[in-house]
PDB file of N, CA and C in Angstrom:
ATOM      1  N   MET A   1      -9.446  14.259  32.622  1.00  0.00           N
ATOM      2  CA  MET A   1      -9.328  14.825  33.960  1.00  0.00           C
ATOM      3  C   MET A   1     -10.470  14.295  34.826  1.00  0.00           C
ATOM      4  N   ALA A   2     -10.829  15.037  35.840  1.00  0.00           N
ATOM      5  CA  ALA A   2     -11.871  14.597  36.760  1.00  0.00           C
ATOM      6  C   ALA A   2     -12.436  15.796  37.510  1.00  0.00           C
ATOM      7  N   VAL A   3     -13.550  15.587  38.153  1.00  0.00           N
ATOM      8  CA  VAL A   3     -14.122  16.560  39.077  1.00  0.00           C
ATOM      9  C   VAL A   3     -14.032  15.918  40.452  1.00  0.00           C
ATOM     10  N   THR A   4     -13.389  16.613  41.398  1.00  0.00           N
ATOM     11  CA  THR A   4     -13.090  16.010  42.694  1.00  0.00           C
ATOM     12  C   THR A   4     -13.599  16.850  43.851  1.00  0.00           C
ATOM     13  N   LEU A   5     -13.640  16.231  45.012  1.00  0.00           N
ATOM     14  CA  LEU A   5     -13.975  16.896  46.263  1.00  0.00           C
ATOM     15  C   LEU A   5     -12.757  16.856  47.170  1.00  0.00           C
ATOM     16  N   THR A   6     -12.598  17.881  47.985  1.00  0.00           N
ATOM     17  CA  THR A   6     -11.608  17.802  49.044  1.00  0.00           C
ATOM     18  C   THR A   6     -12.165  16.894  50.129  1.00  0.00           C
ATOM     19  N   GLU A   7     -11.311  16.493  51.038  1.00  0.00           N
ATOM     20  CA  GLU A   7     -11.776  15.634  52.137  1.00  0.00           C
ATOM     21  C   GLU A   7     -12.851  16.344  52.966  1.00  0.00           C
ATOM     22  N   ASN A   8     -12.684  17.639  53.196  1.00  0.00           N
ATOM     23  CA  ASN A   8     -13.657  18.395  53.968  1.00  0.00           C
ATOM     24  C   ASN A   8     -15.009  18.458  53.247  1.00  0.00           C
ATOM     25  N   ALA A   9     -14.999  18.681  51.933  1.00  0.00           N
ATOM     26  CA  ALA A   9     -16.237  18.718  51.162  1.00  0.00           C
ATOM     27  C   ALA A   9     -16.919  17.350  51.179  1.00  0.00           C
ATOM     28  N   ALA A  10     -16.138  16.291  51.013  1.00  0.00           N
ATOM     29  CA  ALA A  10     -16.694  14.939  51.021  1.00  0.00           C
ATOM     30  C   ALA A  10     -17.342  14.620  52.370  1.00  0.00           C
ATOM     31  N   ARG A  11     -16.701  15.021  53.436  1.00  0.00           N
ATOM     32  CA  ARG A  11     -17.248  14.796  54.780  1.00  0.00           C
ATOM     33  C   ARG A  11     -18.597  15.525  54.922  1.00  0.00           C
ATOM     34  N   HIS A  12     -18.651  16.753  54.410  1.00  0.00           N
ATOM     35  CA  HIS A  12     -19.879  17.543  54.490  1.00  0.00           C
ATOM     36  C   HIS A  12     -21.000  16.908  53.650  1.00  0.00           C
ATOM     37  N   VAL A  13     -20.686  16.481  52.438  1.00  0.00           N
ATOM     38  CA  VAL A  13     -21.686  15.839  51.577  1.00  0.00           C
ATOM     39  C   VAL A  13     -22.169  14.539  52.210  1.00  0.00           C
ATOM     40  N   ASN A  14     -21.252  13.746  52.746  1.00  0.00           N
ATOM     41  CA  ASN A  14     -21.643  12.493  53.408  1.00  0.00           C
ATOM     42  C   ASN A  14     -22.616  12.745  54.553  1.00  0.00           C
ATOM     43  N   ALA A  15     -22.357  13.788  55.332  1.00  0.00           N
ATOM     44  CA  ALA A  15     -23.251  14.118  56.444  1.00  0.00           C
ATOM     45  C   ALA A  15     -24.652  14.468  55.934  1.00  0.00           C
ATOM     46  N   TYR A  16     -24.727  15.229  54.857  1.00  0.00           N
ATOM     47  CA  TYR A  16     -26.029  15.576  54.278  1.00  0.00           C
ATOM     48  C   TYR A  16     -26.737  14.357  53.699  1.00  0.00           C
ATOM     49  N   LEU A  17     -25.987  13.482  53.012  1.00  0.00           N
ATOM     50  CA  LEU A  17     -26.601  12.274  52.460  1.00  0.00           C
ATOM     51  C   LEU A  17     -27.145  11.381  53.563  1.00  0.00           C
ATOM     52  N   THR A  18     -26.402  11.262  54.648  1.00  0.00           N
ATOM     53  CA  THR A  18     -26.856  10.462  55.788  1.00  0.00           C
ATOM     54  C   THR A  18     -28.115  11.058  56.391  1.00  0.00           C
ATOM     55  N   LYS A  19     -28.119  12.372  56.586  1.00  0.00           N
ATOM     56  CA  LYS A  19     -29.278  13.061  57.153  1.00  0.00           C
ATOM     57  C   LYS A  19     -30.492  12.932  56.236  1.00  0.00           C
ATOM     58  N   ARG A  20     -30.244  13.010  54.920  1.00  0.00           N
ATOM     59  CA  ARG A  20     -31.310  12.917  53.922  1.00  0.00           C
ATOM     60  C   ARG A  20     -31.880  11.501  53.865  1.00  0.00           C
ATOM     61  N   GLY A  21     -31.035  10.495  54.095  1.00  0.00           N
ATOM     62  CA  GLY A  21     -31.494   9.112  54.116  1.00  0.00           C
ATOM     63  C   GLY A  21     -31.537   8.438  52.764  1.00  0.00           C
ATOM     64  N   LYS A  22     -31.113   9.115  51.709  1.00  0.00           N
ATOM     65  CA  LYS A  22     -31.064   8.502  50.380  1.00  0.00           C
ATOM     66  C   LYS A  22     -30.121   9.309  49.502  1.00  0.00           C
ATOM     67  N   GLY A  23     -29.781   8.744  48.353  1.00  0.00           N
ATOM     68  CA  GLY A  23     -28.886   9.410  47.411  1.00  0.00           C
ATOM     69  C   GLY A  23     -27.605   8.625  47.228  1.00  0.00           C
ATOM     70  N   ILE A  24     -27.022   8.768  46.036  1.00  0.00           N
ATOM     71  CA  ILE A  24     -25.799   8.028  45.737  1.00  0.00           C
ATOM     72  C   ILE A  24     -24.577   8.935  45.682  1.00  0.00           C
ATOM     73  N   GLY A  25     -24.790  10.245  45.751  1.00  0.00           N
ATOM     74  CA  GLY A  25     -23.663  11.161  45.698  1.00  0.00           C
ATOM     75  C   GLY A  25     -24.103  12.579  45.426  1.00  0.00           C
ATOM     76  N   LEU A  26     -23.189  13.347  44.845  1.00  0.00           N
ATOM     77  CA  LEU A  26     -23.406  14.764  44.570  1.00  0.00           C
ATOM     78  C   LEU A  26     -23.372  14.990  43.067  1.00  0.00           C
ATOM     79  N   ARG A  27     -24.394  15.661  42.538  1.00  0.00           N
ATOM     80  CA  ARG A  27     -24.439  16.015  41.120  1.00  0.00           C
ATOM     81  C   ARG A  27     -23.989  17.462  40.990  1.00  0.00           C
ATOM     82  N   LEU A  28     -22.987  17.658  40.146  1.00  0.00           N
ATOM     83  CA  LEU A  28     -22.429  18.985  39.907  1.00  0.00           C
ATOM     84  C   LEU A  28     -22.608  19.309  38.434  1.00  0.00           C
ATOM     85  N   GLY A  29     -23.081  20.522  38.149  1.00  0.00           N
ATOM     86  CA  GLY A  29     -23.277  20.940  36.769  1.00  0.00           C
ATOM     87  C   GLY A  29     -23.227  22.444  36.649  1.00  0.00           C
ATOM     88  N   VAL A  30     -23.555  22.935  35.453  1.00  0.00           N
ATOM     89  CA  VAL A  30     -23.622  24.368  35.210  1.00  0.00           C
ATOM     90  C   VAL A  30     -24.951  24.687  34.546  1.00  0.00           C
ATOM     91  N   LYS A  31     -25.369  25.935  34.694  1.00  0.00           N
ATOM     92  CA  LYS A  31     -26.567  26.429  34.017  1.00  0.00           C
ATOM     93  C   LYS A  31     -26.278  27.844  33.538  1.00  0.00           C
ATOM     94  N   THR A  32     -26.992  28.275  32.522  1.00  0.00           N
ATOM     95  CA  THR A  32     -26.847  29.633  32.026  1.00  0.00           C
ATOM     96  C   THR A  32     -27.526  30.567  33.021  1.00  0.00           C
ATOM     97  N   SER A  33     -26.739  31.524  33.532  1.00  0.00           N
ATOM     98  CA  SER A  33     -27.276  32.398  34.572  1.00  0.00           C
ATOM     99  C   SER A  33     -26.282  33.498  34.902  1.00  0.00           C
ATOM    100  N   GLY A  34     -26.756  34.529  35.554  1.00  0.00           N
ATOM    101  CA  GLY A  34     -25.891  35.558  36.116  1.00  0.00           C
ATOM    102  C   GLY A  34     -25.304  36.496  35.088  1.00  0.00           C
ATOM    103  N   CYS A  35     -24.525  37.435  35.565  1.00  0.00           N
ATOM    104  CA  CYS A  35     -23.956  38.462  34.700  1.00  0.00           C
ATOM    105  C   CYS A  35     -22.731  37.986  33.940  1.00  0.00           C
ATOM    106  N   SER A  36     -22.120  36.870  34.343  1.00  0.00           N
ATOM    107  CA  SER A  36     -20.943  36.357  33.629  1.00  0.00           C
ATOM    108  C   SER A  36     -21.279  35.214  32.685  1.00  0.00           C
ATOM    109  N   GLY A  37     -22.493  34.721  32.729  1.00  0.00           N
ATOM    110  CA  GLY A  37     -22.916  33.713  31.760  1.00  0.00           C
ATOM    111  C   GLY A  37     -23.270  32.345  32.294  1.00  0.00           C
ATOM    112  N   MET A  38     -22.558  31.855  33.299  1.00  0.00           N
ATOM    113  CA  MET A  38     -22.819  30.510  33.808  1.00  0.00           C
ATOM    114  C   MET A  38     -22.768  30.504  35.328  1.00  0.00           C
ATOM    115  N   ALA A  39     -23.527  29.593  35.895  1.00  0.00           N
ATOM    116  CA  ALA A  39     -23.514  29.421  37.342  1.00  0.00           C
ATOM    117  C   ALA A  39     -23.421  27.931  37.649  1.00  0.00           C
ATOM    118  N   TYR A  40     -22.788  27.612  38.755  1.00  0.00           N
ATOM    119  CA  TYR A  40     -22.691  26.225  39.193  1.00  0.00           C
ATOM    120  C   TYR A  40     -24.030  25.801  39.771  1.00  0.00           C
ATOM    121  N   LYS A  41     -24.343  24.526  39.618  1.00  0.00           N
ATOM    122  CA  LYS A  41     -25.511  23.981  40.305  1.00  0.00           C
ATOM    123  C   LYS A  41     -25.107  22.695  41.005  1.00  0.00           C
ATOM    124  N   LEU A  42     -25.577  22.563  42.203  1.00  0.00           N
ATOM    125  CA  LEU A  42     -25.298  21.405  43.046  1.00  0.00           C
ATOM    126  C   LEU A  42     -26.622  20.796  43.476  1.00  0.00           C
ATOM    127  N   GLU A  43     -26.694  19.490  43.434  1.00  0.00           N
ATOM    128  CA  GLU A  43     -27.866  18.792  43.947  1.00  0.00           C
ATOM    129  C   GLU A  43     -27.466  17.368  44.292  1.00  0.00           C
ATOM    130  N   PHE A  44     -28.303  16.702  45.033  1.00  0.00           N
ATOM    131  CA  PHE A  44     -28.025  15.311  45.353  1.00  0.00           C
ATOM    132  C   PHE A  44     -28.270  14.464  44.113  1.00  0.00           C
ATOM    133  N   ALA A  45     -27.447  13.462  43.915  1.00  0.00           N
ATOM    134  CA  ALA A  45     -27.629  12.522  42.814  1.00  0.00           C
ATOM    135  C   ALA A  45     -28.350  11.299  43.347  1.00  0.00           C
ATOM    136  N   ASP A  46     -29.498  11.014  42.758  1.00  0.00           N
ATOM    137  CA  ASP A  46     -30.255   9.823  43.140  1.00  0.00           C
ATOM    138  C   ASP A  46     -30.127   8.726  42.091  1.00  0.00           C
ATOM    139  N   VAL A  47     -29.815   9.125  40.848  1.00  0.00           N
ATOM    140  CA  VAL A  47     -29.614   8.162  39.763  1.00  0.00           C
ATOM    141  C   VAL A  47     -28.439   8.625  38.914  1.00  0.00           C
ATOM    142  N   ILE A  48     -27.868   7.697  38.180  1.00  0.00           N
ATOM    143  CA  ILE A  48     -26.807   8.012  37.228  1.00  0.00           C
ATOM    144  C   ILE A  48     -27.397   7.803  35.835  1.00  0.00           C
ATOM    145  N   GLU A  49     -27.384   8.857  35.031  1.00  0.00           N
ATOM    146  CA  GLU A  49     -27.914   8.800  33.670  1.00  0.00           C
ATOM    147  C   GLU A  49     -26.852   8.237  32.726  1.00  0.00           C
ATOM    148  N   ASP A  50     -27.276   7.815  31.538  1.00  0.00           N
ATOM    149  CA  ASP A  50     -26.366   7.207  30.562  1.00  0.00           C
ATOM    150  C   ASP A  50     -25.224   8.125  30.153  1.00  0.00           C
ATOM    151  N   ASP A  51     -25.469   9.444  30.064  1.00  0.00           N
ATOM    152  CA  ASP A  51     -24.423  10.365  29.605  1.00  0.00           C
ATOM    153  C   ASP A  51     -23.630  10.997  30.746  1.00  0.00           C
ATOM    154  N   ASP A  52     -23.827  10.528  31.965  1.00  0.00           N
ATOM    155  CA  ASP A  52     -23.100  11.057  33.123  1.00  0.00           C
ATOM    156  C   ASP A  52     -21.691  10.481  33.221  1.00  0.00           C
ATOM    157  N   GLN A  53     -20.785  11.297  33.737  1.00  0.00           N
ATOM    158  CA  GLN A  53     -19.455  10.838  34.132  1.00  0.00           C
ATOM    159  C   GLN A  53     -19.467  10.761  35.654  1.00  0.00           C
ATOM    160  N   VAL A  54     -18.812   9.764  36.211  1.00  0.00           N
ATOM    161  CA  VAL A  54     -18.818   9.569  37.662  1.00  0.00           C
ATOM    162  C   VAL A  54     -17.389   9.372  38.155  1.00  0.00           C
ATOM    163  N   TRP A  55     -17.035  10.112  39.203  1.00  0.00           N
ATOM    164  CA  TRP A  55     -15.753   9.953  39.882  1.00  0.00           C
ATOM    165  C   TRP A  55     -16.054   9.765  41.360  1.00  0.00           C
ATOM    166  N   GLU A  56     -15.078   9.327  42.108  1.00  0.00           N
ATOM    167  CA  GLU A  56     -15.272   9.168  43.548  1.00  0.00           C
ATOM    168  C   GLU A  56     -14.134   9.849  44.283  1.00  0.00           C
ATOM    169  N   SER A  57     -14.502  10.648  45.290  1.00  0.00           N
ATOM    170  CA  SER A  57     -13.534  11.334  46.138  1.00  0.00           C
ATOM    171  C   SER A  57     -13.873  11.061  47.589  1.00  0.00           C
ATOM    172  N   PHE A  58     -12.952  10.450  48.305  1.00  0.00           N
ATOM    173  CA  PHE A  58     -13.121  10.172  49.741  1.00  0.00           C
ATOM    174  C   PHE A  58     -14.453   9.481  50.020  1.00  0.00           C
ATOM    175  N   GLY A  59     -14.822   8.536  49.147  1.00  0.00           N
ATOM    176  CA  GLY A  59     -16.022   7.740  49.349  1.00  0.00           C
ATOM    177  C   GLY A  59     -17.311   8.373  48.846  1.00  0.00           C
ATOM    178  N   VAL A  60     -17.244   9.544  48.224  1.00  0.00           N
ATOM    179  CA  VAL A  60     -18.437  10.222  47.707  1.00  0.00           C
ATOM    180  C   VAL A  60     -18.386  10.229  46.186  1.00  0.00           C
ATOM    181  N   LYS A  61     -19.477   9.776  45.557  1.00  0.00           N
ATOM    182  CA  LYS A  61     -19.572   9.825  44.108  1.00  0.00           C
ATOM    183  C   LYS A  61     -19.871  11.256  43.655  1.00  0.00           C
ATOM    184  N   VAL A  62     -19.139  11.714  42.644  1.00  0.00           N
ATOM    185  CA  VAL A  62     -19.358  13.020  42.022  1.00  0.00           C
ATOM    186  C   VAL A  62     -19.867  12.732  40.612  1.00  0.00           C
ATOM    187  N   VAL A  63     -21.086  13.192  40.314  1.00  0.00           N
ATOM    188  CA  VAL A  63     -21.750  12.908  39.047  1.00  0.00           C
ATOM    189  C   VAL A  63     -21.849  14.198  38.239  1.00  0.00           C
ATOM    190  N   VAL A  64     -21.415  14.147  36.969  1.00  0.00           N
ATOM    191  CA  VAL A  64     -21.442  15.321  36.095  1.00  0.00           C
ATOM    192  C   VAL A  64     -22.047  14.921  34.755  1.00  0.00           C
ATOM    193  N   ASP A  65     -23.019  15.706  34.279  1.00  0.00           N
ATOM    194  CA  ASP A  65     -23.628  15.422  32.985  1.00  0.00           C
ATOM    195  C   ASP A  65     -22.682  15.844  31.853  1.00  0.00           C
ATOM    196  N   ALA A  66     -22.868  15.245  30.688  1.00  0.00           N
ATOM    197  CA  ALA A  66     -21.972  15.462  29.546  1.00  0.00           C
ATOM    198  C   ALA A  66     -21.946  16.913  29.077  1.00  0.00           C
ATOM    199  N   LYS A  67     -23.069  17.631  29.160  1.00  0.00           N
ATOM    200  CA  LYS A  67     -23.101  19.024  28.718  1.00  0.00           C
ATOM    201  C   LYS A  67     -22.285  19.930  29.634  1.00  0.00           C
ATOM    202  N   SER A  68     -22.259  19.655  30.912  1.00  0.00           N
ATOM    203  CA  SER A  68     -21.546  20.491  31.882  1.00  0.00           C
ATOM    204  C   SER A  68     -20.052  20.199  31.934  1.00  0.00           C
ATOM    205  N   LEU A  69     -19.675  18.972  31.606  1.00  0.00           N
ATOM    206  CA  LEU A  69     -18.290  18.536  31.798  1.00  0.00           C
ATOM    207  C   LEU A  69     -17.237  19.445  31.158  1.00  0.00           C
ATOM    208  N   PRO A  70     -17.389  19.918  29.913  1.00  0.00           N
ATOM    209  CA  PRO A  70     -16.337  20.762  29.334  1.00  0.00           C
ATOM    210  C   PRO A  70     -16.070  22.049  30.131  1.00  0.00           C
ATOM    211  N   TYR A  71     -17.062  22.530  30.852  1.00  0.00           N
ATOM    212  CA  TYR A  71     -16.931  23.771  31.612  1.00  0.00           C
ATOM    213  C   TYR A  71     -16.325  23.564  33.000  1.00  0.00           C
ATOM    214  N   ILE A  72     -16.445  22.345  33.529  1.00  0.00           N
ATOM    215  CA  ILE A  72     -15.993  22.123  34.908  1.00  0.00           C
ATOM    216  C   ILE A  72     -14.975  20.996  35.048  1.00  0.00           C
ATOM    217  N   ASP A  73     -14.520  20.432  33.938  1.00  0.00           N
ATOM    218  CA  ASP A  73     -13.523  19.363  34.006  1.00  0.00           C
ATOM    219  C   ASP A  73     -12.273  19.877  34.711  1.00  0.00           C
ATOM    220  N   GLY A  74     -11.806  19.147  35.680  1.00  0.00           N
ATOM    221  CA  GLY A  74     -10.635  19.552  36.461  1.00  0.00           C
ATOM    222  C   GLY A  74     -10.971  20.336  37.716  1.00  0.00           C
ATOM    223  N   THR A  75     -12.249  20.582  37.958  1.00  0.00           N
ATOM    224  CA  THR A  75     -12.677  21.370  39.122  1.00  0.00           C
ATOM    225  C   THR A  75     -12.526  20.567  40.411  1.00  0.00           C
ATOM    226  N   GLU A  76     -12.084  21.262  41.454  1.00  0.00           N
ATOM    227  CA  GLU A  76     -12.056  20.696  42.802  1.00  0.00           C
ATOM    228  C   GLU A  76     -13.050  21.489  43.634  1.00  0.00           C
ATOM    229  N   LEU A  77     -13.921  20.787  44.318  1.00  0.00           N
ATOM    230  CA  LEU A  77     -14.928  21.416  45.162  1.00  0.00           C
ATOM    231  C   LEU A  77     -14.503  21.277  46.616  1.00  0.00           C
ATOM    232  N   ASP A  78     -14.447  22.406  47.303  1.00  0.00           N
ATOM    233  CA  ASP A  78     -14.047  22.427  48.711  1.00  0.00           C
ATOM    234  C   ASP A  78     -15.219  22.949  49.533  1.00  0.00           C
ATOM    235  N   TYR A  79     -15.183  22.695  50.821  1.00  0.00           N
ATOM    236  CA  TYR A  79     -16.167  23.258  51.738  1.00  0.00           C
ATOM    237  C   TYR A  79     -15.389  24.074  52.761  1.00  0.00           C
ATOM    238  N   THR A  80     -15.662  25.369  52.801  1.00  0.00           N
ATOM    239  CA  THR A  80     -14.877  26.258  53.660  1.00  0.00           C
ATOM    240  C   THR A  80     -15.757  27.018  54.632  1.00  0.00           C
ATOM    241  N   ARG A  81     -15.115  27.451  55.687  1.00  0.00           N
ATOM    242  CA  ARG A  81     -15.762  28.314  56.678  1.00  0.00           C
ATOM    243  C   ARG A  81     -14.857  29.518  56.864  1.00  0.00           C
ATOM    244  N   GLU A  82     -15.400  30.697  56.562  1.00  0.00           N
ATOM    245  CA  GLU A  82     -14.654  31.947  56.710  1.00  0.00           C
ATOM    246  C   GLU A  82     -15.475  32.885  57.578  1.00  0.00           C
ATOM    247  N   GLY A  83     -15.067  33.022  58.819  1.00  0.00           N
ATOM    248  CA  GLY A  83     -15.839  33.831  59.751  1.00  0.00           C
ATOM    249  C   GLY A  83     -17.202  33.199  59.978  1.00  0.00           C
ATOM    250  N   LEU A  84     -18.260  33.977  59.748  1.00  0.00           N
ATOM    251  CA  LEU A  84     -19.623  33.472  59.913  1.00  0.00           C
ATOM    252  C   LEU A  84     -20.150  32.796  58.654  1.00  0.00           C
ATOM    253  N   ASN A  85     -19.414  32.900  57.558  1.00  0.00           N
ATOM    254  CA  ASN A  85     -19.852  32.329  56.284  1.00  0.00           C
ATOM    255  C   ASN A  85     -19.246  30.953  56.065  1.00  0.00           C
ATOM    256  N   GLU A  86     -20.052  30.046  55.558  1.00  0.00           N
ATOM    257  CA  GLU A  86     -19.556  28.735  55.196  1.00  0.00           C
ATOM    258  C   GLU A  86     -20.275  28.268  53.945  1.00  0.00           C
ATOM    259  N   GLY A  87     -19.591  27.461  53.156  1.00  0.00           N
ATOM    260  CA  GLY A  87     -20.203  26.938  51.948  1.00  0.00           C
ATOM    261  C   GLY A  87     -19.184  26.314  51.020  1.00  0.00           C
ATOM    262  N   PHE A  88     -19.686  25.855  49.887  1.00  0.00           N
ATOM    263  CA  PHE A  88     -18.837  25.216  48.904  1.00  0.00           C
ATOM    264  C   PHE A  88     -18.073  26.269  48.111  1.00  0.00           C
ATOM    265  N   LYS A  89     -16.834  25.950  47.786  1.00  0.00           N
ATOM    266  CA  LYS A  89     -15.974  26.836  47.005  1.00  0.00           C
ATOM    267  C   LYS A  89     -15.429  26.026  45.834  1.00  0.00           C
ATOM    268  N   PHE A  90     -15.570  26.583  44.635  1.00  0.00           N
ATOM    269  CA  PHE A  90     -15.157  25.915  43.413  1.00  0.00           C
ATOM    270  C   PHE A  90     -13.768  26.388  42.993  1.00  0.00           C
ATOM    271  N   HIS A  91     -12.883  25.445  42.722  1.00  0.00           N
ATOM    272  CA  HIS A  91     -11.559  25.746  42.177  1.00  0.00           C
ATOM    273  C   HIS A  91     -11.559  25.163  40.764  1.00  0.00           C
ATOM    274  N   ASN A  92     -11.950  26.017  39.792  1.00  0.00           N
ATOM    275  CA  ASN A  92     -12.152  25.582  38.416  1.00  0.00           C
ATOM    276  C   ASN A  92     -11.043  26.142  37.526  1.00  0.00           C
ATOM    277  N   PRO A  93     -10.176  25.280  36.990  1.00  0.00           N
ATOM    278  CA  PRO A  93      -9.077  25.763  36.147  1.00  0.00           C
ATOM    279  C   PRO A  93      -9.552  26.341  34.810  1.00  0.00           C
ATOM    280  N   ASN A  94     -10.797  26.089  34.430  1.00  0.00           N
ATOM    281  CA  ASN A  94     -11.348  26.594  33.170  1.00  0.00           C
ATOM    282  C   ASN A  94     -11.930  27.992  33.297  1.00  0.00           C
ATOM    283  N   GLU A  95     -12.135  28.443  34.517  1.00  0.00           N
ATOM    284  CA  GLU A  95     -12.776  29.739  34.764  1.00  0.00           C
ATOM    285  C   GLU A  95     -11.852  30.877  34.336  1.00  0.00           C
ATOM    286  N   LYS A  96     -12.347  31.720  33.433  1.00  0.00           N
ATOM    287  CA  LYS A  96     -11.568  32.866  32.955  1.00  0.00           C
ATOM    288  C   LYS A  96     -11.899  34.135  33.737  1.00  0.00           C
ATOM    289  N   SER A  97     -13.152  34.264  34.162  1.00  0.00           N
ATOM    290  CA  SER A  97     -13.566  35.421  34.957  1.00  0.00           C
ATOM    291  C   SER A  97     -14.826  35.057  35.728  1.00  0.00           C
ATOM    292  N   HIS A  98     -15.120  35.851  36.732  1.00  0.00           N
ATOM    293  CA  HIS A  98     -16.363  35.679  37.483  1.00  0.00           C
ATOM    294  C   HIS A  98     -16.902  37.046  37.869  1.00  0.00           C
ATOM    295  N   CYS A  99     -18.184  37.095  38.164  1.00  0.00           N
ATOM    296  CA  CYS A  99     -18.807  38.377  38.488  1.00  0.00           C
ATOM    297  C   CYS A  99     -18.412  38.812  39.898  1.00  0.00           C
ATOM    298  N   GLY A 100     -18.633  40.051  40.187  1.00  0.00           N
ATOM    299  CA  GLY A 100     -18.261  40.610  41.487  1.00  0.00           C
ATOM    300  C   GLY A 100     -18.958  39.973  42.665  1.00  0.00           C
ATOM    301  N   CYS A 101     -20.177  39.519  42.467  1.00  0.00           N
ATOM    302  CA  CYS A 101     -20.915  38.906  43.580  1.00  0.00           C
ATOM    303  C   CYS A 101     -20.549  37.431  43.760  1.00  0.00           C
ATOM    304  N   GLY A 102     -19.823  36.868  42.793  1.00  0.00           N
ATOM    305  CA  GLY A 102     -19.390  35.476  42.919  1.00  0.00           C
ATOM    306  C   GLY A 102     -20.421  34.447  42.542  1.00  0.00           C
ATOM    307  N   GLU A 103     -21.549  34.872  41.972  1.00  0.00           N
ATOM    308  CA  GLU A 103     -22.625  33.971  41.628  1.00  0.00           C
ATOM    309  C   GLU A 103     -22.463  33.314  40.261  1.00  0.00           C
ATOM    310  N   SER A 104     -21.672  33.916  39.363  1.00  0.00           N
ATOM    311  CA  SER A 104     -21.540  33.351  38.029  1.00  0.00           C
ATOM    312  C   SER A 104     -20.108  33.479  37.528  1.00  0.00           C
ATOM    313  N   PHE A 105     -19.810  32.745  36.434  1.00  0.00           N
ATOM    314  CA  PHE A 105     -18.460  32.721  35.886  1.00  0.00           C
ATOM    315  C   PHE A 105     -18.533  32.563  34.380  1.00  0.00           C
ATOM    316  N   SER A 106     -17.395  32.744  33.731  1.00  0.00           N
ATOM    317  CA  SER A 106     -17.302  32.485  32.282  1.00  0.00           C
ATOM    318  C   SER A 106     -16.019  31.691  32.025  1.00  0.00           C
ATOM    319  N   VAL A 107     -16.036  30.963  30.906  1.00  0.00           N
ATOM    320  CA  VAL A 107     -14.872  30.163  30.505  1.00  0.00           C
ATOM    321  C   VAL A 107     -14.378  30.615  29.142  1.00  0.00           C
TER     322      VAL A 107
END
């Protein structure tokens, strides 16, 4: 499978990379955290490590480390605006449940 971005998310990441002035894409992973066990982590990718998987969506590289991949394989990352709130939204087919605050998930 793959980890992908929607066109809107890719446009948003591209704008941040341009503003930042460096970076090769977006690094997506998971960390142990929260009441459900895992939380997503997003950061700019400046290098690609040997164990990374890389996909491209709408011109943006999506980099995922080997440890995180089983938990987020097939995920689509969107960027949404709902009222005054805006941010990234994860559509993860592996997610079995998430906490009430939306900060963590389990598979």
